[in-house]
């Protein structure tokens, strides 16, 4: 009995000492998750689909990079060519589409969220449509890799 009390006490003491080392109580407002694995990769505007610009969006584990000639509307407010921190949250998923929200941190601030819909066409090609409350147009991108 005495040994089990000492063992329990030792386990609790160890847990209390390890919690700060794990930074579980991180109150940093820049804490975030990551991008949905289905969003990760290179997305591009298809030839002729968006006459006002051509864009490439590279989504990695926890970063997003926006490049191209002219910036497409939903991405106008972000620094082009920079790796920006971000994450996504899935809000709806069915057999043929996934909907959710993308959050991007630019210039030290979390910007207005971008809503997305991802789907596959009849040729099994992945597509991504981005919508923003700040933008006049939606942007549709085609998955490249």
C-alpha atoms as a PDB file:
ATOM      1  CA  UNK A   1       0.000   0.000   0.000  1.00  0.00           C
ATOM      2  CA  UNK A   2       2.750   2.395   0.991  1.00  0.00           C
ATOM      3  CA  UNK A   3       4.634   1.591  -2.203  1.00  0.00           C
ATOM      4  CA  UNK A   4       1.593   2.294  -4.452  1.00  0.00           C
ATOM      5  CA  UNK A   5       1.044   5.685  -2.781  1.00  0.00           C
ATOM      6  CA  UNK A   6       4.691   6.594  -3.351  1.00  0.00           C
ATOM      7  CA  UNK A   7       4.486   5.422  -6.986  1.00  0.00           C
ATOM      8  CA  UNK A   8       1.333   7.460  -7.584  1.00  0.00           C
ATOM      9  CA  UNK A   9       2.941  10.518  -5.993  1.00  0.00           C
ATOM     10  CA  UNK A  10       6.032  10.116  -8.137  1.00  0.00           C
ATOM     11  CA  UNK A  11       3.961   9.830 -11.317  1.00  0.00           C
ATOM     12  CA  UNK A  12       1.971  12.965 -10.434  1.00  0.00           C
ATOM     13  CA  UNK A  13       5.138  14.907  -9.605  1.00  0.00           C
ATOM     14  CA  UNK A  14       6.703  13.878 -12.908  1.00  0.00           C
ATOM     15  CA  UNK A  15       3.581  14.940 -14.824  1.00  0.00           C
ATOM     16  CA  UNK A  16       3.512  18.342 -13.118  1.00  0.00           C
ATOM     17  CA  UNK A  17       7.169  18.924 -13.949  1.00  0.00           C
ATOM     18  CA  UNK A  18       6.782  17.863 -17.593  1.00  0.00           C
ATOM     19  CA  UNK A  19       3.702  19.959 -18.453  1.00  0.00           C
ATOM     20  CA  UNK A  20       5.580  23.276 -18.717  1.00  0.00           C
ATOM     21  CA  UNK A  21       8.241  21.609 -20.871  1.00  0.00           C
ATOM     22  CA  UNK A  22       5.555  20.475 -23.324  1.00  0.00           C
ATOM     23  CA  UNK A  23       4.205  24.055 -23.621  1.00  0.00           C
ATOM     24  CA  UNK A  24       0.641  22.757 -23.417  1.00  0.00           C
ATOM     25  CA  UNK A  25      -0.532  26.058 -21.992  1.00  0.00           C
ATOM     26  CA  UNK A  26       0.765  28.134 -24.945  1.00  0.00           C
ATOM     27  CA  UNK A  27      -1.365  31.285 -25.090  1.00  0.00           C
ATOM     28  CA  UNK A  28       0.332  32.657 -28.215  1.00  0.00           C
ATOM     29  CA  UNK A  29      -2.392  33.885 -30.566  1.00  0.00           C
ATOM     30  CA  UNK A  30      -0.374  32.630 -33.522  1.00  0.00           C
ATOM     31  CA  UNK A  31      -0.954  28.986 -32.569  1.00  0.00           C
ATOM     32  CA  UNK A  32      -2.621  27.107 -35.381  1.00  0.00           C
ATOM     33  CA  UNK A  33      -3.148  23.682 -36.811  1.00  0.00           C
ATOM     34  CA  UNK A  34      -2.200  22.763 -40.383  1.00  0.00           C
ATOM     35  CA  UNK A  35      -3.665  22.510 -43.857  1.00  0.00           C
ATOM     36  CA  UNK A  36      -5.902  19.573 -44.718  1.00  0.00           C
ATOM     37  CA  UNK A  37      -3.719  16.993 -46.503  1.00  0.00           C
ATOM     38  CA  UNK A  38      -6.059  17.060 -49.533  1.00  0.00           C
ATOM     39  CA  UNK A  39      -5.307  20.780 -50.013  1.00  0.00           C
ATOM     40  CA  UNK A  40      -1.528  20.380 -49.950  1.00  0.00           C
ATOM     41  CA  UNK A  41       0.265  20.726 -53.261  1.00  0.00           C
ATOM     42  CA  UNK A  42       0.448  23.133 -56.183  1.00  0.00           C
ATOM     43  CA  UNK A  43      -2.734  24.730 -57.535  1.00  0.00           C
ATOM     44  CA  UNK A  44      -2.803  26.856 -60.703  1.00  0.00           C
ATOM     45  CA  UNK A  45      -5.344  28.845 -62.668  1.00  0.00           C
ATOM     46  CA  UNK A  46      -6.133  26.878 -65.835  1.00  0.00           C
ATOM     47  CA  UNK A  47      -5.217  28.451 -69.183  1.00  0.00           C
ATOM     48  CA  UNK A  48      -7.986  30.762 -70.388  1.00  0.00           C
ATOM     49  CA  UNK A  49     -10.173  30.353 -67.326  1.00  0.00           C
ATOM     50  CA  UNK A  50      -9.165  33.589 -65.564  1.00  0.00           C
ATOM     51  CA  UNK A  51      -8.241  36.173 -68.161  1.00  0.00           C
ATOM     52  CA  UNK A  52      -7.349  38.826 -65.593  1.00  0.00           C
ATOM     53  CA  UNK A  53      -4.532  36.870 -63.969  1.00  0.00           C
ATOM     54  CA  UNK A  54      -2.617  33.643 -63.692  1.00  0.00           C
ATOM     55  CA  UNK A  55      -1.825  32.387 -60.235  1.00  0.00           C
ATOM     56  CA  UNK A  56       0.009  29.584 -58.537  1.00  0.00           C
ATOM     57  CA  UNK A  57      -0.820  28.670 -54.954  1.00  0.00           C
ATOM     58  CA  UNK A  58       1.521  26.294 -53.145  1.00  0.00           C
ATOM     59  CA  UNK A  59       0.027  24.813 -49.981  1.00  0.00           C
ATOM     60  CA  UNK A  60       2.366  22.955 -47.646  1.00  0.00           C
ATOM     61  CA  UNK A  61       1.889  21.512 -44.146  1.00  0.00           C
ATOM     62  CA  UNK A  62       1.440  24.884 -42.404  1.00  0.00           C
ATOM     63  CA  UNK A  63       2.371  27.464 -45.053  1.00  0.00           C
ATOM     64  CA  UNK A  64       0.847  28.890 -48.209  1.00  0.00           C
ATOM     65  CA  UNK A  65       2.720  30.745 -50.965  1.00  0.00           C
ATOM     66  CA  UNK A  66       0.852  32.806 -53.574  1.00  0.00           C
ATOM     67  CA  UNK A  67       2.648  33.697 -56.822  1.00  0.00           C
ATOM     68  CA  UNK A  68       1.763  34.531 -60.394  1.00  0.00           C
ATOM     69  CA  UNK A  69       1.229  37.376 -62.795  1.00  0.00           C
ATOM     70  CA  UNK A  70      -1.418  39.561 -61.264  1.00  0.00           C
ATOM     71  CA  UNK A  71      -3.035  38.435 -58.069  1.00  0.00           C
ATOM     72  CA  UNK A  72      -6.451  36.823 -58.280  1.00  0.00           C
ATOM     73  CA  UNK A  73      -9.239  38.504 -56.349  1.00  0.00           C
ATOM     74  CA  UNK A  74      -9.639  36.324 -53.218  1.00  0.00           C
ATOM     75  CA  UNK A  75      -5.863  36.499 -52.690  1.00  0.00           C
ATOM     76  CA  UNK A  76      -5.376  40.232 -53.387  1.00  0.00           C
ATOM     77  CA  UNK A  77      -4.743  41.080 -49.759  1.00  0.00           C
ATOM     78  CA  UNK A  78      -1.805  38.735 -49.209  1.00  0.00           C
ATOM     79  CA  UNK A  79       1.912  39.324 -49.760  1.00  0.00           C
ATOM     80  CA  UNK A  80       2.795  37.600 -53.063  1.00  0.00           C
ATOM     81  CA  UNK A  81       5.756  35.234 -53.205  1.00  0.00           C
ATOM     82  CA  UNK A  82       6.096  34.905 -49.424  1.00  0.00           C
ATOM     83  CA  UNK A  83       5.596  31.775 -47.368  1.00  0.00           C
ATOM     84  CA  UNK A  84       2.693  32.713 -45.130  1.00  0.00           C
ATOM     85  CA  UNK A  85       1.579  30.734 -42.093  1.00  0.00           C
ATOM     86  CA  UNK A  86      -1.857  29.211 -42.262  1.00  0.00           C
ATOM     87  CA  UNK A  87      -4.246  26.376 -41.612  1.00  0.00           C
ATOM     88  CA  UNK A  88      -7.594  25.051 -42.783  1.00  0.00           C
ATOM     89  CA  UNK A  89     -10.734  23.812 -41.104  1.00  0.00           C
ATOM     90  CA  UNK A  90     -13.052  21.392 -42.868  1.00  0.00           C
ATOM     91  CA  UNK A  91     -16.755  22.237 -42.474  1.00  0.00           C
ATOM     92  CA  UNK A  92     -18.430  19.772 -44.854  1.00  0.00           C
ATOM     93  CA  UNK A  93     -17.372  16.595 -46.618  1.00  0.00           C
ATOM     94  CA  UNK A  94     -19.251  14.310 -48.985  1.00  0.00           C
ATOM     95  CA  UNK A  95     -18.213  11.777 -51.602  1.00  0.00           C
ATOM     96  CA  UNK A  96     -17.824  14.418 -54.298  1.00  0.00           C
ATOM     97  CA  UNK A  97     -16.708  17.594 -52.489  1.00  0.00           C
ATOM     98  CA  UNK A  98     -15.058  19.104 -49.427  1.00  0.00           C
ATOM     99  CA  UNK A  99     -15.850  22.565 -48.076  1.00  0.00           C
ATOM    100  CA  UNK A 100     -14.026  24.528 -45.440  1.00  0.00           C
ATOM    101  CA  UNK A 101     -12.186  27.672 -44.459  1.00  0.00           C
ATOM    102  CA  UNK A 102      -8.562  28.710 -44.950  1.00  0.00           C
ATOM    103  CA  UNK A 103      -6.913  31.059 -42.458  1.00  0.00           C
ATOM    104  CA  UNK A 104      -3.732  32.930 -43.416  1.00  0.00           C
ATOM    105  CA  UNK A 105      -1.450  35.054 -41.249  1.00  0.00           C
ATOM    106  CA  UNK A 106       0.129  37.948 -43.155  1.00  0.00           C
ATOM    107  CA  UNK A 107       2.031  40.943 -41.800  1.00  0.00           C
ATOM    108  CA  UNK A 108       1.635  39.568 -38.258  1.00  0.00           C
ATOM    109  CA  UNK A 109      -2.173  39.411 -38.364  1.00  0.00           C
ATOM    110  CA  UNK A 110      -4.684  36.670 -39.145  1.00  0.00           C
ATOM    111  CA  UNK A 111      -6.522  37.938 -42.224  1.00  0.00           C
ATOM    112  CA  UNK A 112     -10.170  37.512 -43.257  1.00  0.00           C
ATOM    113  CA  UNK A 113     -10.919  33.833 -43.819  1.00  0.00           C
ATOM    114  CA  UNK A 114     -11.203  32.378 -47.315  1.00  0.00           C
ATOM    115  CA  UNK A 115     -13.897  29.803 -47.929  1.00  0.00           C
ATOM    116  CA  UNK A 116     -13.047  26.901 -50.190  1.00  0.00           C
ATOM    117  CA  UNK A 117     -14.762  24.110 -52.098  1.00  0.00           C
ATOM    118  CA  UNK A 118     -12.675  21.255 -53.423  1.00  0.00           C
ATOM    119  CA  UNK A 119     -14.046  18.651 -55.823  1.00  0.00           C
ATOM    120  CA  UNK A 120     -13.083  16.200 -58.582  1.00  0.00           C
ATOM    121  CA  UNK A 121     -14.430  16.357 -62.113  1.00  0.00           C
ATOM    122  CA  UNK A 122     -15.451  13.384 -64.255  1.00  0.00           C
ATOM    123  CA  UNK A 123     -11.794  12.898 -65.309  1.00  0.00           C
ATOM    124  CA  UNK A 124     -10.848  12.693 -61.588  1.00  0.00           C
ATOM    125  CA  UNK A 125      -9.002  16.051 -61.763  1.00  0.00           C
ATOM    126  CA  UNK A 126      -8.988  17.973 -58.445  1.00  0.00           C
ATOM    127  CA  UNK A 127     -10.352  21.553 -58.451  1.00  0.00           C
ATOM    128  CA  UNK A 128     -10.385  24.231 -55.777  1.00  0.00           C
ATOM    129  CA  UNK A 129     -12.639  27.295 -55.680  1.00  0.00           C
ATOM    130  CA  UNK A 130     -11.720  30.104 -53.281  1.00  0.00           C
ATOM    131  CA  UNK A 131     -14.270  32.666 -52.098  1.00  0.00           C
ATOM    132  CA  UNK A 132     -13.654  35.678 -49.907  1.00  0.00           C
ATOM    133  CA  UNK A 133     -16.036  38.237 -48.458  1.00  0.00           C
ATOM    134  CA  UNK A 134     -13.477  40.904 -49.514  1.00  0.00           C
ATOM    135  CA  UNK A 135     -13.366  39.806 -53.156  1.00  0.00           C
ATOM    136  CA  UNK A 136     -15.588  40.556 -56.117  1.00  0.00           C
ATOM    137  CA  UNK A 137     -14.705  37.325 -57.975  1.00  0.00           C
ATOM    138  CA  UNK A 138     -14.223  33.708 -56.960  1.00  0.00           C
ATOM    139  CA  UNK A 139     -11.033  31.951 -58.035  1.00  0.00           C
ATOM    140  CA  UNK A 140     -10.947  28.399 -59.404  1.00  0.00           C
ATOM    141  CA  UNK A 141      -7.650  26.524 -59.382  1.00  0.00           C
ATOM    142  CA  UNK A 142      -6.612  23.169 -60.833  1.00  0.00           C
ATOM    143  CA  UNK A 143      -4.431  20.734 -58.841  1.00  0.00           C
ATOM    144  CA  UNK A 144      -1.011  20.199 -60.431  1.00  0.00           C
ATOM    145  CA  UNK A 145       0.891  17.949 -58.009  1.00  0.00           C
END
